[in-house]
Amino acid sequence: MSKKNWLSILICVITITSVITACSKGENAAPPDSPNEKAGEGKNVTYQFLRNSSTPEYPSDGGEGRQEILKGLEKAGITGFDYKLSLASGDDYNTKLNLLATSGELPDYFDIDSKTLSRFVEQGLVQPIDEYLKKAPHLMKAIPEQYWKQVTFDGRIYAIPNGTRPEPFNFPTVGGLDVRQDWLDALGLQQPTTLDELHDVLKAFVTQDPDKDGKKDTAGLGASKTTDFGAIFGAFGIIPAYWTEVDGQIKKGLVLPEMKEALAVLQQWYKEGLIDKDFPIMESKQMDEKITNSEIGLWFGDGYYVDKSGSSVAESIFKANPNAKIEMLSAPKGPSGNQGYPEVNGLSSAPLRALSAKAQDPAKLFQFLDWIANDEAGGGFNLLLYGVEGKDFTYDQGTNSIKQITPYSELYKRGYSNPIRMVFIIDRRWAAEPVRHAIEIVNQKLIKNAMWNTVQAEIDYPDLEQKLYQEYLIKIITGIWPVEKYDEFIQKYYDQGGREIEKQANELYKQLQSE
């Protein structure tokens, strides 16, 4: 036989052997980049999840919850999907995540903070998710458009931010001015709507014995050393830590002229004894104790204070004061008609979530993520978060209310709720009506931040806001320094790094505006 014939036979044998080997390994004949392979059809995939969560009750095998979730996915037509969840929390989580990154063994999908995300993007450890989001309509609907900009690098999206349901009581901002309405009623006063009216209410709380115990032992405005006095600054149209657009440029509120106007009001109130004199050294826990003990009539709190079921602090307040009545005030108007509470960044309520550069079949994973963002019939939102309807919770369509039957700790043990919250979407349908109403009041008027993104210079010069600003704020409010001395702060701010912060922020702002 000629060498040419031997060569032909050898090539045929090698080709046949390769085909048989491929079949024995379960590989299909389609090339890796075929549409079927991309969609993950016919493949069983077990995804590795890593969550920053302190829930030791969660079962290692996923428990009943995992089985019910997989059944729900099957009914929705999402087949061949499974998951394995690992948990760690705090510093332990960060250490574990960084070790996995260093060893090249990142899980498919994991929690991440914004700074680590930026580093992982630069190192190529995570992949952009734009193409997968195109086929995830429920996920896109649940997450406000502006949030995506905070996880966008060079025009591409690299993480899933937190979302929110559409009802006003589900908006991220919940904090405002809580008032002892029973004190107002006792003194025959209306809820204040302006700074001047607020001044008069505070004065009455201090001088007219609103708790009717015959003692002059009540304070007006409660505050702690971390209080930002947002509603007062909002009455002048600014929030010190927020970016405000001025003539096409953005500037921090703390360098704007309105700062001195607001500081003058706060200094005068403190001088008159309308603000708790101990606020510069007051811890938040101590202030909660004063509120519980009926020593303070008005404070910077949130919508959960208005109902005893809202929080543990609220429960303590109403237990100590059965006749107490707490309501949320509308943001007070300033002399020029400005008003608003500080808008809260929705991304601050839970970590971001990113996709490893080596993740298995991302298309199938995003089918799952879109399913758990879907609260319509056939979607997994309620099942994943609240358990089995009728057994773990009930839903009243008329009032759009969730009543939780099974405690959350029990849900965790069975493999439901927060440990497997792979998409965080704010849902307060469980909240009592007074809480819902209070949160809606807060969100009627907000002072918004022109840009939430952090620039490198802010990381390089953290003391400008954390220490320098706080020193001038407290010393001016308490009257140690005159309001005019704030000009000195502005100069120091710019000289000690603020100029570079503002420069970098405007460069990024323009870039984001053009995308």
Protein backbone atom coordinates (compact mmCIF):
# COMPACT_ATOMS: atom_id res chain seq x y z
CA MET A 1 0.00 0.00 0.00
CA SER A 2 1.35 3.46 -0.90
CA LYS A 3 2.32 6.01 1.74
CA LYS A 4 -0.44 8.26 0.41
CA ASN A 5 -3.11 5.61 1.07
CA TRP A 6 -1.72 4.91 4.59
CA LEU A 7 -1.91 8.63 5.36
CA SER A 8 -5.53 8.83 4.20
CA ILE A 9 -6.53 5.86 6.37
CA LEU A 10 -4.73 7.35 9.42
CA ILE A 11 -6.55 10.68 9.03
CA CYS A 12 -9.91 8.89 8.81
CA VAL A 13 -9.15 6.86 11.97
CA ILE A 14 -8.14 9.97 13.92
CA THR A 15 -11.28 11.82 12.78
CA ILE A 16 -13.61 8.93 13.73
CA THR A 17 -11.87 8.49 17.10
CA SER A 18 -12.26 12.19 17.88
CA VAL A 19 -15.98 12.07 17.09
CA ILE A 20 -16.49 8.99 19.28
CA THR A 21 -14.51 10.57 22.13
CA ALA A 22 -16.51 13.76 21.89
CA CYS A 23 -19.80 11.84 22.03
CA SER A 24 -18.62 9.80 25.01
CA LYS A 25 -17.93 13.03 26.88
CA GLY A 26 -21.44 14.32 26.21
CA GLU A 27 -20.34 17.11 23.87
CA ASN A 28 -22.73 18.00 21.09
CA ALA A 29 -21.73 18.63 17.54
CA ALA A 30 -22.62 22.32 17.64
CA PRO A 31 -19.66 24.71 17.83
CA PRO A 32 -19.13 26.50 21.17
CA ASP A 33 -20.36 29.81 19.81
CA SER A 34 -23.57 28.48 18.29
CA PRO A 35 -26.88 30.06 19.37
CA ASN A 36 -27.97 26.86 21.16
CA GLU A 37 -24.79 26.74 23.21
CA LYS A 38 -25.09 30.41 24.12
CA ALA A 39 -28.61 29.93 25.41
CA GLY A 40 -27.55 26.90 27.39
CA GLU A 41 -30.25 24.71 25.86
CA GLY A 42 -29.85 21.09 26.80
CA LYS A 43 -27.20 21.83 29.42
CA ASN A 44 -27.50 21.26 33.16
CA VAL A 45 -25.64 23.98 35.03
CA THR A 46 -25.08 24.32 38.77
CA TYR A 47 -24.20 27.92 39.51
CA GLN A 48 -21.91 28.89 42.35
CA PHE A 49 -23.26 31.85 44.35
CA LEU A 50 -21.47 33.76 47.11
CA ARG A 51 -23.39 36.12 49.38
CA ASN A 52 -22.28 38.59 52.03
CA SER A 53 -24.84 37.46 54.58
CA SER A 54 -24.84 36.46 58.24
CA THR A 55 -27.56 33.81 58.23
CA PRO A 56 -26.18 30.62 59.77
CA GLU A 57 -29.68 29.11 59.72
CA TYR A 58 -29.49 28.65 55.95
CA PRO A 59 -29.18 24.91 55.13
CA SER A 60 -26.07 23.81 53.27
CA ASP A 61 -28.12 21.93 50.67
CA GLY A 62 -30.51 24.83 50.03
CA GLY A 63 -33.35 23.11 51.87
CA GLU A 64 -36.97 23.05 50.86
CA GLY A 65 -36.63 26.53 49.35
CA ARG A 66 -34.17 25.37 46.73
CA GLN A 67 -36.47 22.55 45.65
CA GLU A 68 -39.50 24.84 45.38
CA ILE A 69 -37.51 27.46 43.48
CA LEU A 70 -36.25 24.87 40.99
CA LYS A 71 -39.84 23.63 40.50
CA GLY A 72 -40.96 27.20 39.85
CA LEU A 73 -38.19 27.65 37.30
CA GLU A 74 -39.23 24.46 35.53
CA LYS A 75 -42.83 25.71 35.31
CA ALA A 76 -41.52 28.96 33.83
CA GLY A 77 -39.64 27.00 31.17
CA ILE A 78 -36.18 27.55 32.64
CA THR A 79 -34.68 24.08 32.66
CA GLY A 80 -31.34 22.59 33.59
CA PHE A 81 -30.74 25.16 36.32
CA ASP A 82 -29.39 24.51 39.82
CA TYR A 83 -27.36 26.45 42.37
CA LYS A 84 -25.01 26.09 45.31
CA LEU A 85 -24.89 28.97 47.78
CA SER A 86 -21.97 29.88 50.04
CA LEU A 87 -22.24 32.50 52.79
CA ALA A 88 -19.81 34.68 54.70
CA SER A 89 -20.16 38.12 56.25
CA GLY A 90 -18.29 41.34 56.95
CA ASP A 91 -14.51 41.16 56.89
CA ASP A 92 -14.64 37.38 56.48
CA TYR A 93 -16.58 37.83 53.26
CA ASN A 94 -14.14 40.39 51.86
CA THR A 95 -11.19 38.15 52.72
CA LYS A 96 -12.84 35.14 51.10
CA LEU A 97 -13.76 37.07 47.95
CA ASN A 98 -10.24 38.42 47.51
CA LEU A 99 -8.67 34.98 48.08
CA LEU A 100 -10.97 33.46 45.46
CA ALA A 101 -10.09 36.26 43.05
CA THR A 102 -6.36 35.76 43.61
CA SER A 103 -6.62 32.01 43.05
CA GLY A 104 -8.72 32.41 39.90
CA GLU A 105 -11.69 30.64 41.49
CA LEU A 106 -14.34 33.33 41.74
CA PRO A 107 -17.91 31.99 41.93
CA ASP A 108 -20.22 32.62 39.01
CA TYR A 109 -22.20 35.38 40.72
CA PHE A 110 -21.39 37.24 43.92
CA ASP A 111 -21.90 40.31 46.13
CA ILE A 112 -19.46 43.17 45.68
CA ASP A 113 -19.02 46.78 46.82
CA SER A 114 -18.38 49.64 44.40
CA LYS A 115 -14.65 50.02 45.16
CA THR A 116 -13.95 46.30 44.74
CA LEU A 117 -16.04 46.28 41.58
CA SER A 118 -13.89 49.03 40.07
CA ARG A 119 -10.75 47.03 40.88
CA PHE A 120 -12.17 43.76 39.51
CA VAL A 121 -13.21 45.49 36.28
CA GLU A 122 -9.68 46.83 35.85
CA GLN A 123 -8.23 43.36 36.51
CA GLY A 124 -10.62 41.67 34.08
CA LEU A 125 -12.15 39.45 36.78
CA VAL A 126 -15.77 40.37 35.99
CA GLN A 127 -17.56 40.65 32.67
CA PRO A 128 -20.00 43.21 31.24
CA ILE A 129 -23.65 42.17 31.36
CA ASP A 130 -25.27 44.50 28.80
CA GLU A 131 -26.18 41.76 26.31
CA TYR A 132 -27.84 39.62 29.00
CA LEU A 133 -29.87 42.54 30.33
CA LYS A 134 -31.49 42.94 26.91
CA LYS A 135 -33.37 39.70 27.61
CA ALA A 136 -34.23 40.51 31.23
CA PRO A 137 -37.22 42.91 31.02
CA HIS A 138 -38.43 42.46 34.60
CA LEU A 139 -34.96 43.10 35.97
CA MET A 140 -34.57 46.24 33.87
CA LYS A 141 -38.00 47.49 34.92
CA ALA A 142 -37.23 47.05 38.62
CA ILE A 143 -33.98 49.03 38.60
CA PRO A 144 -34.09 52.82 38.06
CA GLU A 145 -32.16 53.96 35.01
CA GLN A 146 -29.87 56.29 36.97
CA TYR A 147 -28.57 53.40 39.08
CA TRP A 148 -26.98 51.74 36.07
CA LYS A 149 -24.64 54.71 35.65
CA GLN A 150 -23.02 53.90 38.98
CA VAL A 151 -21.97 50.47 37.72
CA THR A 152 -20.95 51.54 34.22
CA PHE A 153 -17.30 51.56 33.16
CA ASP A 154 -16.25 52.80 29.72
CA GLY A 155 -19.83 52.60 28.54
CA ARG A 156 -20.52 49.02 29.69
CA ILE A 157 -22.49 47.72 32.69
CA TYR A 158 -20.61 45.43 35.09
CA ALA A 159 -22.97 44.81 38.01
CA ILE A 160 -26.61 44.62 39.02
CA PRO A 161 -27.67 47.45 41.35
CA ASN A 162 -30.56 47.29 43.78
CA GLY A 163 -34.07 47.78 42.52
CA THR A 164 -37.34 49.05 43.91
CA ARG A 165 -41.01 48.32 43.40
CA PRO A 166 -43.05 51.18 41.88
CA GLU A 167 -45.18 52.16 44.90
CA PRO A 168 -44.12 55.43 46.60
CA PHE A 169 -43.77 53.66 49.96
CA ASN A 170 -41.10 51.49 48.35
CA PHE A 171 -38.86 54.40 47.33
CA PRO A 172 -35.42 54.23 48.99
CA THR A 173 -35.71 57.44 51.01
CA VAL A 174 -37.48 56.88 54.34
CA GLY A 175 -35.94 59.51 56.64
CA GLY A 176 -37.35 62.86 57.67
CA LEU A 177 -38.55 64.75 60.72
CA ASP A 178 -40.59 62.71 63.19
CA VAL A 179 -42.75 64.64 65.64
CA ARG A 180 -44.63 63.76 68.81
CA GLN A 181 -48.08 64.55 67.45
CA ASP A 182 -49.58 64.03 70.93
CA TRP A 183 -47.37 66.90 72.15
CA LEU A 184 -48.65 69.13 69.34
CA ASP A 185 -52.23 68.18 70.25
CA ALA A 186 -51.62 68.85 73.94
CA LEU A 187 -50.42 72.38 73.14
CA GLY A 188 -53.07 73.04 70.47
CA LEU A 189 -50.44 73.40 67.73
CA GLN A 190 -50.59 72.54 64.04
CA GLN A 191 -47.84 70.66 62.26
CA PRO A 192 -45.19 73.19 61.14
CA THR A 193 -44.71 73.67 57.40
CA THR A 194 -41.98 76.34 57.37
CA LEU A 195 -38.74 76.96 59.25
CA ASP A 196 -40.37 79.82 61.16
CA GLU A 197 -43.27 77.59 62.24
CA LEU A 198 -40.83 74.84 63.13
CA HIS A 199 -38.94 77.31 65.33
CA ASP A 200 -42.13 78.18 67.18
CA VAL A 201 -43.04 74.52 67.72
CA LEU A 202 -39.59 73.74 69.10
CA LYS A 203 -39.81 76.70 71.44
CA ALA A 204 -43.20 75.51 72.68
CA PHE A 205 -41.84 71.99 73.27
CA VAL A 206 -39.05 73.44 75.42
CA THR A 207 -41.07 75.98 77.40
CA GLN A 208 -44.71 74.83 77.64
CA ASP A 209 -44.47 71.38 79.26
CA PRO A 210 -45.92 69.35 76.34
CA ASP A 211 -45.89 66.07 78.30
CA LYS A 212 -47.83 67.74 81.14
CA ASP A 213 -45.71 66.35 83.94
CA GLY A 214 -45.21 69.73 85.59
CA LYS A 215 -41.48 69.72 84.87
CA LYS A 216 -39.35 71.71 82.47
CA ASP A 217 -37.52 68.64 81.18
CA THR A 218 -38.29 68.42 77.48
CA ALA A 219 -36.03 69.22 74.52
CA GLY A 220 -37.12 70.47 71.13
CA LEU A 221 -35.01 69.09 68.28
CA GLY A 222 -33.10 65.91 69.05
CA ALA A 223 -29.84 65.21 67.27
CA SER A 224 -26.70 63.11 67.63
CA LYS A 225 -23.11 63.78 66.63
CA THR A 226 -23.78 62.09 63.28
CA THR A 227 -26.94 64.06 62.47
CA ASP A 228 -26.71 65.84 59.11
CA PHE A 229 -29.59 68.31 59.72
CA GLY A 230 -30.68 67.51 56.16
CA ALA A 231 -34.18 68.98 56.39
CA ILE A 232 -32.79 72.35 57.53
CA PHE A 233 -30.23 72.53 54.72
CA GLY A 234 -32.92 71.26 52.33
CA ALA A 235 -35.00 74.34 53.22
CA PHE A 236 -32.23 76.31 51.50
CA GLY A 237 -32.13 74.00 48.48
CA ILE A 238 -28.90 72.14 49.26
CA ILE A 239 -27.48 69.12 51.05
CA PRO A 240 -23.84 69.61 52.13
CA ALA A 241 -22.54 66.25 50.89
CA TYR A 242 -24.50 66.28 47.62
CA TRP A 243 -23.45 67.57 44.23
CA THR A 244 -25.52 70.48 42.89
CA GLU A 245 -25.39 71.72 39.31
CA VAL A 246 -24.52 75.40 39.12
CA ASP A 247 -24.08 77.06 35.71
CA GLY A 248 -23.28 73.78 34.00
CA GLN A 249 -20.78 72.67 36.67
CA ILE A 250 -21.39 70.53 39.74
CA LYS A 251 -20.32 71.67 43.19
CA LYS A 252 -20.68 70.14 46.62
CA GLY A 253 -23.43 71.77 48.64
CA LEU A 254 -20.96 72.46 51.42
CA VAL A 255 -19.17 75.14 49.34
CA LEU A 256 -22.32 77.00 48.25
CA PRO A 257 -23.49 80.35 49.76
CA GLU A 258 -26.69 78.78 51.11
CA MET A 259 -24.61 76.93 53.69
CA LYS A 260 -24.09 80.03 55.77
CA GLU A 261 -27.80 80.84 55.74
CA ALA A 262 -28.67 77.40 57.07
CA LEU A 263 -25.87 77.49 59.65
CA ALA A 264 -27.13 80.85 60.91
CA VAL A 265 -30.55 79.31 61.57
CA LEU A 266 -29.09 76.30 63.37
CA GLN A 267 -26.77 78.48 65.45
CA GLN A 268 -29.68 80.69 66.54
CA TRP A 269 -31.81 77.67 67.45
CA TYR A 270 -29.00 76.17 69.51
CA LYS A 271 -28.46 79.51 71.28
CA GLU A 272 -32.15 79.59 72.20
CA GLY A 273 -31.95 76.04 73.58
CA LEU A 274 -34.20 74.58 70.89
CA ILE A 275 -31.67 71.92 69.84
CA ASP A 276 -30.59 69.33 72.42
CA LYS A 277 -27.46 70.84 73.96
CA ASP A 278 -25.73 67.45 74.12
CA PHE A 279 -25.91 66.69 70.40
CA PRO A 280 -22.14 67.17 69.67
CA ILE A 281 -21.30 64.21 71.95
CA MET A 282 -24.54 62.28 71.59
CA GLU A 283 -24.41 58.71 70.29
CA SER A 284 -27.36 57.48 68.25
CA LYS A 285 -28.23 54.92 70.91
CA GLN A 286 -28.38 57.64 73.56
CA MET A 287 -30.70 59.70 71.39
CA ASP A 288 -32.99 56.69 70.94
CA GLU A 289 -33.13 56.40 74.73
CA LYS A 290 -34.11 60.07 75.05
CA ILE A 291 -36.84 59.61 72.45
CA THR A 292 -38.12 56.52 74.27
CA ASN A 293 -38.10 58.41 77.59
CA SER A 294 -40.17 61.26 76.10
CA GLU A 295 -37.37 63.81 76.49
CA ILE A 296 -37.42 64.91 72.84
CA GLY A 297 -40.38 66.13 70.81
CA LEU A 298 -38.96 66.20 67.30
CA TRP A 299 -36.03 64.37 65.70
CA PHE A 300 -34.44 63.26 62.46
CA GLY A 301 -35.77 59.74 62.13
CA ASP A 302 -37.66 57.66 59.60
CA GLY A 303 -41.10 56.44 58.66
CA TYR A 304 -40.80 53.32 60.79
CA TYR A 305 -41.07 55.31 64.03
CA VAL A 306 -44.76 56.06 63.48
CA ASP A 307 -45.97 52.52 64.20
CA LYS A 308 -45.01 50.13 66.97
CA SER A 309 -44.53 47.34 64.42
CA GLY A 310 -42.11 49.44 62.40
CA SER A 311 -38.89 48.75 64.30
CA SER A 312 -37.51 47.70 67.68
CA VAL A 313 -36.98 51.35 68.64
CA ALA A 314 -40.57 52.19 67.73
CA GLU A 315 -41.78 49.25 69.79
CA SER A 316 -39.84 50.57 72.79
CA ILE A 317 -41.28 54.06 72.36
CA PHE A 318 -44.88 52.91 72.35
CA LYS A 319 -44.30 50.42 75.15
CA ALA A 320 -42.93 53.19 77.37
CA ASN A 321 -45.58 55.68 76.16
CA PRO A 322 -48.84 53.86 75.32
CA ASN A 323 -50.56 57.15 74.48
CA ALA A 324 -47.76 58.42 72.24
CA LYS A 325 -48.58 59.44 68.70
CA ILE A 326 -45.78 59.96 66.20
CA GLU A 327 -46.15 61.38 62.70
CA MET A 328 -43.85 62.37 59.86
CA LEU A 329 -43.66 66.05 58.95
CA SER A 330 -43.52 67.33 55.41
CA ALA A 331 -40.13 68.87 54.68
CA PRO A 332 -40.25 72.48 56.01
CA LYS A 333 -40.01 75.36 53.56
CA GLY A 334 -37.24 77.91 53.79
CA PRO A 335 -37.42 81.67 53.20
CA SER A 336 -37.24 81.26 49.41
CA GLY A 337 -39.72 78.39 49.26
CA ASN A 338 -37.12 75.63 48.97
CA GLN A 339 -37.80 72.37 50.77
CA GLY A 340 -36.77 68.72 50.69
CA TYR A 341 -35.31 65.81 52.56
CA PRO A 342 -32.00 64.32 51.36
CA GLU A 343 -32.55 61.76 48.64
CA VAL A 344 -31.09 58.38 49.56
CA ASN A 345 -28.93 56.48 47.11
CA GLY A 346 -30.84 53.27 46.42
CA LEU A 347 -27.57 51.43 45.95
CA SER A 348 -26.66 51.93 49.60
CA SER A 349 -29.26 49.50 50.95
CA ALA A 350 -27.56 46.30 49.74
CA PRO A 351 -24.41 45.21 47.92
CA LEU A 352 -24.03 45.16 44.16
CA ARG A 353 -23.84 41.82 42.38
CA ALA A 354 -21.35 40.92 39.67
CA LEU A 355 -20.74 38.16 37.12
CA SER A 356 -17.39 36.40 37.04
CA ALA A 357 -15.45 36.62 33.79
CA LYS A 358 -15.44 32.80 33.85
CA ALA A 359 -19.12 32.35 34.73
CA GLN A 360 -20.90 29.36 33.27
CA ASP A 361 -23.66 30.02 30.75
CA PRO A 362 -24.56 33.62 31.76
CA ALA A 363 -27.65 33.60 29.52
CA LYS A 364 -29.33 30.93 31.63
CA LEU A 365 -28.30 32.68 34.85
CA PHE A 366 -29.98 35.88 33.70
CA GLN A 367 -33.15 33.96 32.93
CA PHE A 368 -33.16 33.02 36.61
CA LEU A 369 -32.44 36.58 37.75
CA ASP A 370 -35.22 37.94 35.57
CA TRP A 371 -37.61 35.31 36.95
CA ILE A 372 -36.95 36.31 40.56
CA ALA A 373 -37.47 39.98 39.62
CA ASN A 374 -40.89 39.08 38.17
CA ASP A 375 -43.78 39.58 40.61
CA GLU A 376 -46.42 38.66 38.05
CA ALA A 377 -48.11 35.26 37.74
CA GLY A 378 -45.45 32.64 37.07
CA GLY A 379 -42.67 34.84 38.43
CA GLY A 380 -40.55 33.95 41.43
CA PHE A 381 -40.45 37.22 43.37
CA ASN A 382 -42.93 36.37 46.13
CA LEU A 383 -41.83 32.74 46.44
CA LEU A 384 -38.18 33.57 46.87
CA LEU A 385 -38.75 36.44 49.30
CA TYR A 386 -41.77 35.34 51.35
CA GLY A 387 -42.04 31.58 50.88
CA VAL A 388 -45.14 29.64 49.84
CA GLU A 389 -48.35 31.67 49.55
CA GLY A 390 -51.03 30.48 51.96
CA LYS A 391 -48.45 28.72 54.09
CA ASP A 392 -45.81 31.36 54.75
CA PHE A 393 -47.64 34.53 53.73
CA THR A 394 -50.90 35.89 52.39
CA TYR A 395 -51.44 38.64 49.85
CA ASP A 396 -54.38 41.05 49.86
CA GLN A 397 -54.75 42.43 46.36
CA GLY A 398 -57.23 45.10 47.46
CA THR A 399 -54.78 46.75 49.83
CA ASN A 400 -51.67 45.49 48.04
CA SER A 401 -50.46 44.07 51.35
CA ILE A 402 -48.30 41.14 52.35
CA LYS A 403 -48.97 39.50 55.72
CA GLN A 404 -46.03 37.36 56.81
CA ILE A 405 -47.08 34.19 58.63
CA THR A 406 -43.74 32.43 58.95
CA PRO A 407 -41.01 34.38 60.79
CA TYR A 408 -38.01 35.26 58.64
CA SER A 409 -35.64 33.19 60.77
CA GLU A 410 -37.74 30.13 59.92
CA LEU A 411 -37.77 31.06 56.25
CA TYR A 412 -33.97 31.21 56.32
CA LYS A 413 -33.86 27.70 57.83
CA ARG A 414 -35.99 26.41 54.96
CA GLY A 415 -33.90 28.10 52.27
CA TYR A 416 -35.96 31.18 51.43
CA SER A 417 -35.68 34.97 51.60
CA ASN A 418 -32.61 37.12 52.27
CA PRO A 419 -29.80 34.54 51.93
CA ILE A 420 -30.83 33.84 48.33
CA ARG A 421 -31.86 37.37 47.42
CA MET A 422 -29.78 37.38 44.24
CA VAL A 423 -31.54 40.56 43.11
CA PHE A 424 -32.38 43.04 45.86
CA ILE A 425 -35.66 44.85 45.13
CA ILE A 426 -37.17 47.00 47.87
CA ASP A 427 -40.59 45.71 48.87
CA ARG A 428 -42.45 47.12 51.89
CA ARG A 429 -45.89 45.73 51.15
CA TRP A 430 -45.63 44.14 54.61
CA ALA A 431 -45.48 47.58 56.29
CA ALA A 432 -48.42 49.00 58.25
CA GLU A 433 -50.43 51.77 56.62
CA PRO A 434 -49.06 54.55 58.92
CA VAL A 435 -45.51 53.58 57.91
CA ARG A 436 -46.42 53.59 54.22
CA HIS A 437 -48.02 57.00 54.57
CA ALA A 438 -45.00 58.42 56.41
CA ILE A 439 -42.59 57.23 53.72
CA GLU A 440 -44.82 58.70 51.02
CA ILE A 441 -44.69 62.07 52.82
CA VAL A 442 -40.89 61.93 52.88
CA ASN A 443 -40.73 61.30 49.15
CA GLN A 444 -42.99 64.19 48.19
CA LYS A 445 -40.06 66.62 48.24
CA LEU A 446 -36.46 65.49 47.94
CA ILE A 447 -33.16 67.28 47.39
CA LYS A 448 -31.39 65.15 44.82
CA ASN A 449 -27.73 64.42 44.31
CA ALA A 450 -26.56 65.38 40.81
CA MET A 451 -24.03 62.52 40.83
CA TRP A 452 -23.64 59.54 43.14
CA ASN A 453 -20.42 58.19 41.66
CA THR A 454 -17.30 58.50 43.82
CA VAL A 455 -14.14 59.92 42.25
CA GLN A 456 -10.63 58.89 43.27
CA ALA A 457 -9.85 62.25 44.89
CA GLU A 458 -12.68 61.74 47.38
CA ILE A 459 -11.00 58.50 48.44
CA ASP A 460 -7.62 60.26 48.59
CA TYR A 461 -8.93 63.11 50.80
CA PRO A 462 -11.56 61.53 53.08
CA ASP A 463 -10.89 63.86 56.02
CA LEU A 464 -12.29 66.89 54.21
CA GLU A 465 -15.86 65.82 54.90
CA GLN A 466 -15.35 63.32 57.70
CA LYS A 467 -13.30 65.60 59.95
CA LEU A 468 -12.75 69.13 58.63
CA TYR A 469 -16.38 69.80 57.72
CA GLN A 470 -17.69 68.18 60.89
CA GLU A 471 -15.44 70.39 63.02
CA TYR A 472 -16.71 73.61 61.44
CA LEU A 473 -20.34 72.38 61.46
CA ILE A 474 -20.40 71.64 65.19
CA LYS A 475 -18.36 74.63 66.32
CA ILE A 476 -20.48 77.05 64.30
CA ILE A 477 -23.84 75.57 65.38
CA THR A 478 -22.81 75.62 69.03
CA GLY A 479 -21.63 79.24 68.72
CA ILE A 480 -17.95 78.59 69.43
CA TRP A 481 -17.19 80.11 66.04
CA PRO A 482 -19.21 82.75 64.16
CA VAL A 483 -21.00 81.84 60.94
CA GLU A 484 -18.54 84.04 59.00
CA LYS A 485 -15.74 81.63 59.86
CA TYR A 486 -17.28 79.15 57.43
CA ASP A 487 -15.53 81.04 54.61
CA GLU A 488 -12.31 79.75 56.13
CA PHE A 489 -13.56 76.19 55.82
CA ILE A 490 -14.35 76.64 52.11
CA GLN A 491 -10.84 77.95 51.48
CA LYS A 492 -9.27 75.04 53.39
CA TYR A 493 -11.52 72.57 51.59
CA TYR A 494 -10.31 73.71 48.18
CA ASP A 495 -6.66 74.04 49.22
CA GLN A 496 -6.51 70.61 50.88
CA GLY A 497 -7.94 68.53 48.04
CA GLY A 498 -11.41 69.88 47.29
CA ARG A 499 -10.23 71.55 44.10
CA GLU A 500 -9.06 68.20 42.71
CA ILE A 501 -12.26 66.50 43.88
CA GLU A 502 -14.37 69.06 42.04
CA LYS A 503 -12.22 68.78 38.90
CA GLN A 504 -12.45 65.00 38.74
CA ALA A 505 -16.16 65.05 39.55
CA ASN A 506 -16.96 67.44 36.71
CA GLU A 507 -14.95 65.36 34.25
CA LEU A 508 -16.88 62.24 35.25
CA TYR A 509 -20.19 64.12 35.30
CA LYS A 510 -19.72 65.28 31.70
CA GLN A 511 -18.74 61.78 30.66
CA LEU A 512 -21.84 60.26 32.25
CA GLN A 513 -24.06 62.91 30.71
CA SER A 514 -22.78 62.06 27.23
CA GLU A 515 -23.32 58.28 27.55
